Amino acid sequence: MTRLVRPDVALRASWAATVAEFEGGHIDGSGLGDLEDLDTTEEGCARAVAHLLAQADPATRLPEDRVPCSFFWIVDDRPDGEPEVVGHLAVRHELNAWLHELGGHIGYSVRPTRRREGHAGRALALALEEARGLGLDRVLVTCDEDNEASRRTIERNGGVLEDVREGKRRYWIDLGD
């Protein structure tokens, strides 16, 4: 069953396989774009995990263009019971100007070989619970205008389209009781 876990070096091999499936491209919700050199060795994974976990720590001094963010790995259990990283997810604790326009509170991606299995929808539902836990009343979730799968995922989770800006569909999801 799909679940969210904090980044953990114990999942390095599965995480590295997930990263490889994106073939060096951007991975929404991963937080890996901040790293100068993405290294999927155990040492590189440890650096990435430390970097990602620090983003949610109030003691971390973030660059002016960043906001506190909780990063998760989307995990599913393999038939042998071992956890497999199937994607990445970010829950931003607040919005800055860019996030309000185009990025939103929640970003996610599912590795190409594990798409169309419902992981994105279940992960987004879990992310909404995380956002509630942060005290957010509503969240902004965006997707590319031509990304039908993400559009359906957001709408199934209660997303109400506000508008389209610069090719991004902007949805608000009310987290009220």
N, C-alpha and C. Protein backbone atom coordinates (compact mmCIF):
# COMPACT_ATOMS: atom_id res chain seq x y z
N MET A 1 0.84 -1.18 0.00
CA MET A 1 0.00 0.00 0.00
C MET A 1 0.89 1.25 0.00
N THR A 2 0.47 2.23 -0.71
CA THR A 2 1.22 3.49 -0.82
C THR A 2 1.30 4.17 0.54
N ARG A 3 2.48 4.65 0.86
CA ARG A 3 2.65 5.44 2.07
C ARG A 3 3.76 6.45 1.86
N LEU A 4 3.83 7.45 2.74
CA LEU A 4 4.88 8.45 2.70
C LEU A 4 5.86 8.16 3.82
N VAL A 5 7.14 8.18 3.50
CA VAL A 5 8.18 8.01 4.52
C VAL A 5 9.19 9.14 4.37
N ARG A 6 9.81 9.47 5.48
CA ARG A 6 10.89 10.46 5.41
C ARG A 6 12.07 9.84 4.67
N PRO A 7 12.80 10.64 3.91
CA PRO A 7 13.98 10.10 3.23
C PRO A 7 14.89 9.38 4.22
N ASP A 8 15.42 8.23 3.79
CA ASP A 8 16.19 7.37 4.68
C ASP A 8 17.22 6.61 3.84
N VAL A 9 18.47 6.65 4.27
CA VAL A 9 19.56 5.98 3.56
C VAL A 9 19.29 4.47 3.44
N ALA A 10 18.51 3.91 4.34
CA ALA A 10 18.20 2.48 4.28
C ALA A 10 17.48 2.12 2.97
N LEU A 11 16.88 3.11 2.31
CA LEU A 11 16.16 2.88 1.05
C LEU A 11 16.98 3.32 -0.16
N ARG A 12 18.30 3.46 0.01
CA ARG A 12 19.16 4.02 -1.02
C ARG A 12 19.03 3.31 -2.36
N ALA A 13 19.10 2.00 -2.41
CA ALA A 13 19.09 1.29 -3.69
C ALA A 13 17.80 1.57 -4.46
N SER A 14 16.68 1.52 -3.77
CA SER A 14 15.40 1.77 -4.41
C SER A 14 15.28 3.24 -4.82
N TRP A 15 15.75 4.14 -3.96
CA TRP A 15 15.75 5.57 -4.28
C TRP A 15 16.60 5.82 -5.52
N ALA A 16 17.79 5.23 -5.57
CA ALA A 16 18.69 5.42 -6.71
C ALA A 16 18.04 4.92 -8.00
N ALA A 17 17.35 3.80 -7.94
CA ALA A 17 16.66 3.27 -9.12
C ALA A 17 15.56 4.22 -9.57
N THR A 18 14.86 4.82 -8.61
CA THR A 18 13.81 5.78 -8.94
C THR A 18 14.42 7.00 -9.62
N VAL A 19 15.48 7.54 -9.04
CA VAL A 19 16.15 8.71 -9.62
C VAL A 19 16.60 8.39 -11.05
N ALA A 20 17.17 7.21 -11.26
CA ALA A 20 17.67 6.83 -12.58
C ALA A 20 16.56 6.83 -13.63
N GLU A 21 15.35 6.48 -13.24
CA GLU A 21 14.25 6.44 -14.21
C GLU A 21 13.90 7.81 -14.77
N PHE A 22 14.29 8.87 -14.07
CA PHE A 22 14.02 10.21 -14.57
C PHE A 22 15.11 10.70 -15.52
N GLU A 23 16.12 9.89 -15.73
CA GLU A 23 17.18 10.12 -16.72
C GLU A 23 17.79 11.52 -16.64
N GLY A 24 18.06 11.97 -15.44
CA GLY A 24 18.72 13.26 -15.27
C GLY A 24 17.80 14.47 -15.39
N GLY A 25 16.52 14.26 -15.63
CA GLY A 25 15.57 15.37 -15.73
C GLY A 25 15.08 15.81 -14.37
N HIS A 26 14.30 16.87 -14.36
CA HIS A 26 13.73 17.39 -13.12
C HIS A 26 12.76 16.37 -12.52
N ILE A 27 12.80 16.25 -11.19
CA ILE A 27 11.92 15.32 -10.48
C ILE A 27 11.07 16.15 -9.52
N ASP A 28 9.83 16.41 -9.90
CA ASP A 28 8.94 17.22 -9.05
C ASP A 28 8.83 16.64 -7.66
N GLY A 29 8.89 17.52 -6.66
CA GLY A 29 8.70 17.11 -5.27
C GLY A 29 9.90 16.44 -4.64
N SER A 30 11.01 16.36 -5.35
CA SER A 30 12.17 15.62 -4.83
C SER A 30 13.12 16.47 -4.00
N GLY A 31 13.19 17.77 -4.26
CA GLY A 31 14.16 18.62 -3.57
C GLY A 31 15.59 18.40 -4.02
N LEU A 32 15.77 17.55 -5.02
CA LEU A 32 17.13 17.19 -5.45
C LEU A 32 17.75 18.24 -6.36
N GLY A 33 16.95 19.12 -6.92
CA GLY A 33 17.47 20.17 -7.80
C GLY A 33 18.40 21.13 -7.09
N ASP A 34 18.33 21.17 -5.76
CA ASP A 34 19.19 22.05 -4.97
C ASP A 34 20.61 21.52 -4.85
N LEU A 35 20.79 20.24 -5.10
CA LEU A 35 22.10 19.63 -4.93
C LEU A 35 22.95 19.90 -6.16
N GLU A 36 24.20 20.29 -5.93
CA GLU A 36 25.10 20.59 -7.05
C GLU A 36 25.37 19.36 -7.90
N ASP A 37 25.62 18.23 -7.25
CA ASP A 37 25.96 17.01 -7.97
C ASP A 37 25.17 15.87 -7.35
N LEU A 38 24.17 15.40 -8.08
CA LEU A 38 23.36 14.32 -7.56
C LEU A 38 24.15 13.01 -7.65
N ASP A 39 24.41 12.44 -6.51
CA ASP A 39 25.23 11.24 -6.38
C ASP A 39 24.37 10.19 -5.69
N THR A 40 24.14 9.06 -6.35
CA THR A 40 23.25 8.04 -5.78
C THR A 40 24.01 6.94 -5.05
N THR A 41 25.30 7.16 -4.79
CA THR A 41 26.04 6.22 -3.94
C THR A 41 25.51 6.34 -2.52
N GLU A 42 25.95 5.46 -1.63
CA GLU A 42 25.50 5.54 -0.24
C GLU A 42 25.89 6.88 0.38
N GLU A 43 27.10 7.33 0.11
CA GLU A 43 27.55 8.62 0.65
C GLU A 43 26.73 9.77 0.07
N GLY A 44 26.48 9.73 -1.23
CA GLY A 44 25.67 10.76 -1.87
C GLY A 44 24.24 10.75 -1.37
N CYS A 45 23.71 9.57 -1.17
CA CYS A 45 22.34 9.45 -0.63
C CYS A 45 22.28 10.04 0.77
N ALA A 46 23.31 9.78 1.58
CA ALA A 46 23.34 10.33 2.94
C ALA A 46 23.34 11.86 2.90
N ARG A 47 24.09 12.44 1.96
CA ARG A 47 24.09 13.91 1.82
C ARG A 47 22.71 14.41 1.40
N ALA A 48 22.09 13.70 0.44
CA ALA A 48 20.77 14.11 -0.03
C ALA A 48 19.74 14.01 1.09
N VAL A 49 19.78 12.92 1.85
CA VAL A 49 18.84 12.74 2.96
C VAL A 49 19.01 13.85 3.99
N ALA A 50 20.23 14.15 4.36
CA ALA A 50 20.48 15.22 5.34
C ALA A 50 19.96 16.56 4.81
N HIS A 51 20.20 16.83 3.54
CA HIS A 51 19.72 18.07 2.92
C HIS A 51 18.19 18.15 2.96
N LEU A 52 17.53 17.06 2.58
CA LEU A 52 16.07 17.05 2.53
C LEU A 52 15.45 17.18 3.92
N LEU A 53 15.97 16.45 4.87
CA LEU A 53 15.42 16.50 6.24
C LEU A 53 15.62 17.87 6.87
N ALA A 54 16.72 18.54 6.55
CA ALA A 54 17.00 19.86 7.12
C ALA A 54 15.98 20.91 6.68
N GLN A 55 15.36 20.71 5.51
CA GLN A 55 14.43 21.72 4.99
C GLN A 55 13.21 21.90 5.89
N ALA A 56 12.85 20.89 6.66
CA ALA A 56 11.69 20.98 7.55
C ALA A 56 12.07 21.44 8.94
N ASP A 57 13.35 21.53 9.24
CA ASP A 57 13.84 21.89 10.57
C ASP A 57 13.83 23.41 10.72
N PRO A 58 13.08 23.93 11.70
CA PRO A 58 13.03 25.39 11.89
C PRO A 58 14.40 26.01 12.17
N ALA A 59 15.34 25.23 12.62
CA ALA A 59 16.68 25.76 12.92
C ALA A 59 17.51 25.97 11.65
N THR A 60 17.07 25.40 10.53
CA THR A 60 17.82 25.52 9.28
C THR A 60 17.60 26.89 8.67
N ARG A 61 18.69 27.58 8.36
CA ARG A 61 18.61 28.87 7.68
C ARG A 61 18.50 28.58 6.18
N LEU A 62 17.37 28.95 5.62
CA LEU A 62 17.11 28.69 4.21
C LEU A 62 17.43 29.92 3.38
N PRO A 63 17.79 29.72 2.11
CA PRO A 63 17.97 30.88 1.22
C PRO A 63 16.66 31.67 1.15
N GLU A 64 16.77 32.95 0.82
CA GLU A 64 15.60 33.83 0.81
C GLU A 64 14.49 33.35 -0.13
N ASP A 65 14.85 32.63 -1.18
CA ASP A 65 13.84 32.19 -2.14
C ASP A 65 13.22 30.83 -1.78
N ARG A 66 13.52 30.31 -0.59
CA ARG A 66 13.01 29.01 -0.16
C ARG A 66 12.10 29.15 1.04
N VAL A 67 11.21 28.17 1.20
CA VAL A 67 10.33 28.12 2.36
C VAL A 67 10.55 26.77 3.04
N PRO A 68 10.20 26.65 4.32
CA PRO A 68 10.30 25.34 4.97
C PRO A 68 9.48 24.30 4.21
N CYS A 69 10.01 23.09 4.13
CA CYS A 69 9.38 22.06 3.33
C CYS A 69 9.66 20.69 3.93
N SER A 70 8.63 19.86 4.01
CA SER A 70 8.78 18.48 4.44
C SER A 70 8.83 17.60 3.20
N PHE A 71 9.93 16.89 3.03
CA PHE A 71 10.08 15.99 1.89
C PHE A 71 9.78 14.56 2.31
N PHE A 72 9.19 13.83 1.39
CA PHE A 72 8.85 12.43 1.62
C PHE A 72 9.23 11.63 0.39
N TRP A 73 9.45 10.34 0.61
CA TRP A 73 9.54 9.40 -0.49
C TRP A 73 8.24 8.61 -0.48
N ILE A 74 7.65 8.48 -1.65
CA ILE A 74 6.44 7.69 -1.80
C ILE A 74 6.90 6.23 -1.90
N VAL A 75 6.37 5.39 -1.03
CA VAL A 75 6.84 4.01 -0.93
C VAL A 75 5.65 3.05 -1.09
N ASP A 76 5.93 1.92 -1.73
CA ASP A 76 4.98 0.82 -1.84
C ASP A 76 5.76 -0.45 -1.49
N ASP A 77 5.08 -1.44 -0.97
CA ASP A 77 5.76 -2.69 -0.64
C ASP A 77 5.79 -3.61 -1.86
N ARG A 78 6.95 -4.19 -2.10
CA ARG A 78 7.10 -5.19 -3.15
C ARG A 78 6.44 -6.48 -2.68
N PRO A 79 6.24 -7.43 -3.59
CA PRO A 79 5.63 -8.71 -3.19
C PRO A 79 6.39 -9.41 -2.06
N ASP A 80 7.72 -9.19 -1.97
CA ASP A 80 8.50 -9.82 -0.89
C ASP A 80 8.41 -9.05 0.43
N GLY A 81 7.60 -7.97 0.45
CA GLY A 81 7.41 -7.19 1.66
C GLY A 81 8.42 -6.06 1.85
N GLU A 82 9.44 -6.02 1.01
CA GLU A 82 10.43 -4.95 1.11
C GLU A 82 9.87 -3.65 0.55
N PRO A 83 10.14 -2.51 1.19
CA PRO A 83 9.65 -1.24 0.67
C PRO A 83 10.38 -0.83 -0.61
N GLU A 84 9.64 -0.24 -1.52
CA GLU A 84 10.21 0.26 -2.77
C GLU A 84 9.83 1.73 -2.92
N VAL A 85 10.81 2.57 -3.17
CA VAL A 85 10.54 3.98 -3.45
C VAL A 85 9.92 4.06 -4.84
N VAL A 86 8.72 4.64 -4.91
CA VAL A 86 8.04 4.78 -6.20
C VAL A 86 7.88 6.24 -6.61
N GLY A 87 8.32 7.16 -5.74
CA GLY A 87 8.21 8.57 -6.10
C GLY A 87 8.68 9.49 -5.00
N HIS A 88 8.47 10.78 -5.25
CA HIS A 88 8.89 11.85 -4.35
C HIS A 88 7.72 12.78 -4.10
N LEU A 89 7.72 13.41 -2.93
CA LEU A 89 6.65 14.35 -2.60
C LEU A 89 7.17 15.41 -1.65
N ALA A 90 6.74 16.65 -1.87
CA ALA A 90 7.12 17.77 -1.03
C ALA A 90 5.86 18.46 -0.52
N VAL A 91 5.85 18.80 0.77
CA VAL A 91 4.78 19.60 1.36
C VAL A 91 5.44 20.88 1.87
N ARG A 92 5.17 21.96 1.17
CA ARG A 92 5.75 23.26 1.55
C ARG A 92 4.87 23.88 2.62
N HIS A 93 5.51 24.36 3.68
CA HIS A 93 4.78 24.83 4.86
C HIS A 93 4.10 26.17 4.63
N GLU A 94 4.53 26.89 3.62
CA GLU A 94 3.96 28.20 3.30
C GLU A 94 4.27 28.47 1.83
N LEU A 95 3.75 29.58 1.32
CA LEU A 95 4.00 29.96 -0.06
C LEU A 95 4.79 31.26 -0.13
N ASN A 96 5.76 31.31 -1.04
CA ASN A 96 6.37 32.59 -1.38
C ASN A 96 5.70 33.04 -2.69
N ALA A 97 6.15 34.13 -3.27
CA ALA A 97 5.48 34.67 -4.47
C ALA A 97 5.51 33.66 -5.62
N TRP A 98 6.66 33.02 -5.88
CA TRP A 98 6.75 32.07 -6.99
C TRP A 98 5.86 30.85 -6.76
N LEU A 99 5.89 30.32 -5.55
CA LEU A 99 5.06 29.16 -5.25
C LEU A 99 3.58 29.50 -5.38
N HIS A 100 3.20 30.72 -5.00
CA HIS A 100 1.79 31.13 -5.12
C HIS A 100 1.37 31.22 -6.57
N GLU A 101 2.27 31.62 -7.43
CA GLU A 101 1.94 31.73 -8.85
C GLU A 101 1.96 30.39 -9.57
N LEU A 102 3.02 29.59 -9.33
CA LEU A 102 3.23 28.42 -10.18
C LEU A 102 3.52 27.11 -9.46
N GLY A 103 4.08 27.15 -8.26
CA GLY A 103 4.57 25.92 -7.64
C GLY A 103 3.63 25.22 -6.69
N GLY A 104 2.92 25.98 -5.87
CA GLY A 104 1.98 25.40 -4.93
C GLY A 104 2.61 24.87 -3.65
N HIS A 105 1.75 24.37 -2.78
CA HIS A 105 2.16 23.79 -1.50
C HIS A 105 2.71 22.37 -1.65
N ILE A 106 2.17 21.63 -2.60
CA ILE A 106 2.52 20.21 -2.72
C ILE A 106 3.00 19.93 -4.14
N GLY A 107 4.13 19.25 -4.20
CA GLY A 107 4.66 18.80 -5.49
C GLY A 107 4.96 17.31 -5.38
N TYR A 108 4.78 16.57 -6.46
CA TYR A 108 5.01 15.13 -6.40
C TYR A 108 5.36 14.60 -7.78
N SER A 109 5.98 13.45 -7.78
CA SER A 109 6.23 12.72 -9.02
C SER A 109 6.30 11.24 -8.70
N VAL A 110 5.89 10.43 -9.65
CA VAL A 110 5.95 8.97 -9.52
C VAL A 110 6.87 8.46 -10.62
N ARG A 111 7.73 7.52 -10.28
CA ARG A 111 8.67 6.98 -11.27
C ARG A 111 7.90 6.38 -12.44
N PRO A 112 8.42 6.55 -13.65
CA PRO A 112 7.69 6.13 -14.85
C PRO A 112 7.19 4.69 -14.83
N THR A 113 7.96 3.74 -14.33
CA THR A 113 7.52 2.34 -14.35
C THR A 113 6.44 2.02 -13.32
N ARG A 114 6.12 2.98 -12.44
CA ARG A 114 5.11 2.72 -11.41
C ARG A 114 3.90 3.65 -11.55
N ARG A 115 3.80 4.34 -12.68
CA ARG A 115 2.65 5.21 -12.92
C ARG A 115 1.43 4.36 -13.28
N ARG A 116 0.26 4.98 -13.19
CA ARG A 116 -1.03 4.35 -13.52
C ARG A 116 -1.38 3.23 -12.55
N GLU A 117 -0.85 3.32 -11.33
CA GLU A 117 -1.17 2.34 -10.29
C GLU A 117 -1.89 3.00 -9.10
N GLY A 118 -2.17 4.30 -9.21
CA GLY A 118 -2.87 5.01 -8.14
C GLY A 118 -1.99 5.61 -7.07
N HIS A 119 -0.66 5.49 -7.22
CA HIS A 119 0.23 6.02 -6.18
C HIS A 119 0.12 7.53 -6.01
N ALA A 120 0.02 8.26 -7.11
CA ALA A 120 -0.05 9.72 -7.01
C ALA A 120 -1.28 10.17 -6.23
N GLY A 121 -2.42 9.58 -6.52
CA GLY A 121 -3.65 9.95 -5.82
C GLY A 121 -3.59 9.63 -4.34
N ARG A 122 -3.11 8.44 -4.01
CA ARG A 122 -2.99 8.07 -2.60
C ARG A 122 -1.95 8.93 -1.89
N ALA A 123 -0.83 9.22 -2.56
CA ALA A 123 0.20 10.06 -1.95
C ALA A 123 -0.30 11.48 -1.73
N LEU A 124 -1.05 12.02 -2.69
CA LEU A 124 -1.60 13.36 -2.52
C LEU A 124 -2.57 13.38 -1.34
N ALA A 125 -3.41 12.38 -1.20
CA ALA A 125 -4.33 12.31 -0.06
C ALA A 125 -3.55 12.30 1.26
N LEU A 126 -2.46 11.55 1.31
CA LEU A 126 -1.62 11.52 2.52
C LEU A 126 -0.95 12.87 2.75
N ALA A 127 -0.55 13.53 1.68
CA ALA A 127 0.08 14.85 1.80
C ALA A 127 -0.91 15.88 2.34
N LEU A 128 -2.17 15.74 1.98
CA LEU A 128 -3.19 16.66 2.52
C LEU A 128 -3.29 16.50 4.03
N GLU A 129 -3.18 15.27 4.52
CA GLU A 129 -3.18 15.06 5.97
C GLU A 129 -1.95 15.71 6.62
N GLU A 130 -0.80 15.60 5.97
CA GLU A 130 0.42 16.25 6.47
C GLU A 130 0.22 17.76 6.52
N ALA A 131 -0.39 18.33 5.49
CA ALA A 131 -0.63 19.77 5.43
C ALA A 131 -1.58 20.20 6.55
N ARG A 132 -2.61 19.39 6.78
CA ARG A 132 -3.52 19.66 7.90
C ARG A 132 -2.76 19.70 9.21
N GLY A 133 -1.84 18.74 9.37
CA GLY A 133 -1.02 18.67 10.58
C GLY A 133 -0.13 19.89 10.76
N LEU A 134 0.19 20.56 9.68
CA LEU A 134 0.98 21.80 9.75
C LEU A 134 0.10 23.01 10.08
N GLY A 135 -1.21 22.80 10.13
CA GLY A 135 -2.13 23.89 10.44
C GLY A 135 -2.64 24.64 9.22
N LEU A 136 -2.40 24.10 8.03
CA LEU A 136 -2.89 24.77 6.82
C LEU A 136 -4.38 24.51 6.65
N ASP A 137 -5.12 25.54 6.24
CA ASP A 137 -6.56 25.43 6.02
C ASP A 137 -6.91 25.04 4.59
N ARG A 138 -6.02 25.42 3.66
CA ARG A 138 -6.19 25.07 2.27
C ARG A 138 -4.82 25.07 1.62
N VAL A 139 -4.70 24.31 0.56
CA VAL A 139 -3.42 24.22 -0.14
C VAL A 139 -3.60 24.45 -1.62
N LEU A 140 -2.55 24.95 -2.23
CA LEU A 140 -2.49 25.14 -3.67
C LEU A 140 -1.68 23.99 -4.26
N VAL A 141 -2.25 23.35 -5.28
CA VAL A 141 -1.54 22.28 -5.99
C VAL A 141 -1.63 22.63 -7.47
N THR A 142 -0.51 22.56 -8.16
CA THR A 142 -0.48 22.93 -9.57
C THR A 142 -0.02 21.75 -10.43
N CYS A 143 -0.36 21.83 -11.70
CA CYS A 143 0.16 20.85 -12.66
C CYS A 143 0.24 21.52 -14.02
N ASP A 144 1.05 20.95 -14.88
CA ASP A 144 1.14 21.47 -16.25
C ASP A 144 -0.22 21.35 -16.91
N GLU A 145 -0.52 22.34 -17.74
CA GLU A 145 -1.83 22.39 -18.39
C GLU A 145 -2.13 21.13 -19.19
N ASP A 146 -1.11 20.49 -19.75
CA ASP A 146 -1.33 19.31 -20.58
C ASP A 146 -1.15 17.99 -19.83
N ASN A 147 -1.01 18.03 -18.50
CA ASN A 147 -0.82 16.81 -17.72
C ASN A 147 -2.18 16.30 -17.22
N GLU A 148 -2.84 15.53 -18.07
CA GLU A 148 -4.18 15.03 -17.75
C GLU A 148 -4.19 14.13 -16.52
N ALA A 149 -3.19 13.29 -16.36
CA ALA A 149 -3.16 12.38 -15.21
C ALA A 149 -3.09 13.17 -13.92
N SER A 150 -2.23 14.18 -13.85
CA SER A 150 -2.11 14.98 -12.63
C SER A 150 -3.38 15.81 -12.40
N ARG A 151 -3.96 16.31 -13.48
CA ARG A 151 -5.22 17.07 -13.35
C ARG A 151 -6.27 16.19 -12.68
N ARG A 152 -6.42 14.96 -13.16
CA ARG A 152 -7.42 14.05 -12.58
C ARG A 152 -7.08 13.72 -11.12
N THR A 153 -5.81 13.52 -10.84
CA THR A 153 -5.38 13.22 -9.47
C THR A 153 -5.76 14.35 -8.53
N ILE A 154 -5.48 15.57 -8.93
CA ILE A 154 -5.78 16.73 -8.09
C ILE A 154 -7.29 16.89 -7.92
N GLU A 155 -8.03 16.78 -8.99
CA GLU A 155 -9.48 16.93 -8.91
C GLU A 155 -10.12 15.85 -8.05
N ARG A 156 -9.63 14.62 -8.13
CA ARG A 156 -10.17 13.53 -7.30
C ARG A 156 -9.90 13.76 -5.82
N ASN A 157 -8.90 14.57 -5.53
CA ASN A 157 -8.57 14.88 -4.13
C ASN A 157 -9.18 16.21 -3.70
N GLY A 158 -10.16 16.69 -4.43
CA GLY A 158 -10.90 17.88 -4.02
C GLY A 158 -10.41 19.18 -4.62
N GLY A 159 -9.49 19.13 -5.56
CA GLY A 159 -8.96 20.35 -6.15
C GLY A 159 -10.00 21.10 -6.96
N VAL A 160 -10.08 22.40 -6.72
CA VAL A 160 -10.99 23.28 -7.46
C VAL A 160 -10.13 24.24 -8.27
N LEU A 161 -10.28 24.20 -9.58
CA LEU A 161 -9.48 25.02 -10.47
C LEU A 161 -9.76 26.50 -10.23
N GLU A 162 -8.69 27.26 -9.96
CA GLU A 162 -8.82 28.71 -9.86
C GLU A 162 -8.57 29.35 -11.21
N ASP A 163 -7.44 28.98 -11.84
CA ASP A 163 -7.10 29.54 -13.14
C ASP A 163 -5.89 28.82 -13.72
N VAL A 164 -5.45 29.27 -14.88
CA VAL A 164 -4.25 28.76 -15.53
C VAL A 164 -3.32 29.94 -15.73
N ARG A 165 -2.07 29.77 -15.27
CA ARG A 165 -1.06 30.82 -15.40
C ARG A 165 0.21 30.22 -15.97
N GLU A 166 0.69 30.82 -17.02
CA GLU A 166 1.95 30.39 -17.63
C GLU A 166 1.99 28.88 -17.86
N GLY A 167 0.88 28.32 -18.32
CA GLY A 167 0.84 26.90 -18.62
C GLY A 167 0.62 26.00 -17.41
N LYS A 168 0.37 26.57 -16.24
CA LYS A 168 0.12 25.79 -15.02
C LYS A 168 -1.33 25.94 -14.59
N ARG A 169 -1.99 24.80 -14.39
CA ARG A 169 -3.33 24.78 -13.82
C ARG A 169 -3.17 24.92 -12.31
N ARG A 170 -3.89 25.86 -11.70
CA ARG A 170 -3.78 26.14 -10.27
C ARG A 170 -5.06 25.72 -9.57
N TYR A 171 -4.92 24.76 -8.65
CA TYR A 171 -6.05 24.21 -7.92
C TYR A 171 -5.90 24.50 -6.42
N TRP A 172 -7.01 24.85 -5.79
CA TRP A 172 -7.03 24.97 -4.33
C TRP A 172 -7.81 23.79 -3.76
N ILE A 173 -7.29 23.25 -2.67
CA ILE A 173 -7.97 22.16 -1.96
C ILE A 173 -8.22 22.63 -0.55
N ASP A 174 -9.49 22.65 -0.16
CA ASP A 174 -9.89 23.05 1.19
C ASP A 174 -9.62 21.89 2.15
N LEU A 175 -8.94 22.17 3.25
CA LEU A 175 -8.60 21.14 4.23
C LEU A 175 -9.51 21.17 5.44
N GLY A 176 -10.58 21.97 5.37
CA GLY A 176 -11.50 22.07 6.50
C GLY A 176 -12.12 20.72 6.85
N ASP A 177 -12.69 20.65 8.04
CA ASP A 177 -13.28 19.40 8.52
C ASP A 177 -14.36 18.95 7.66
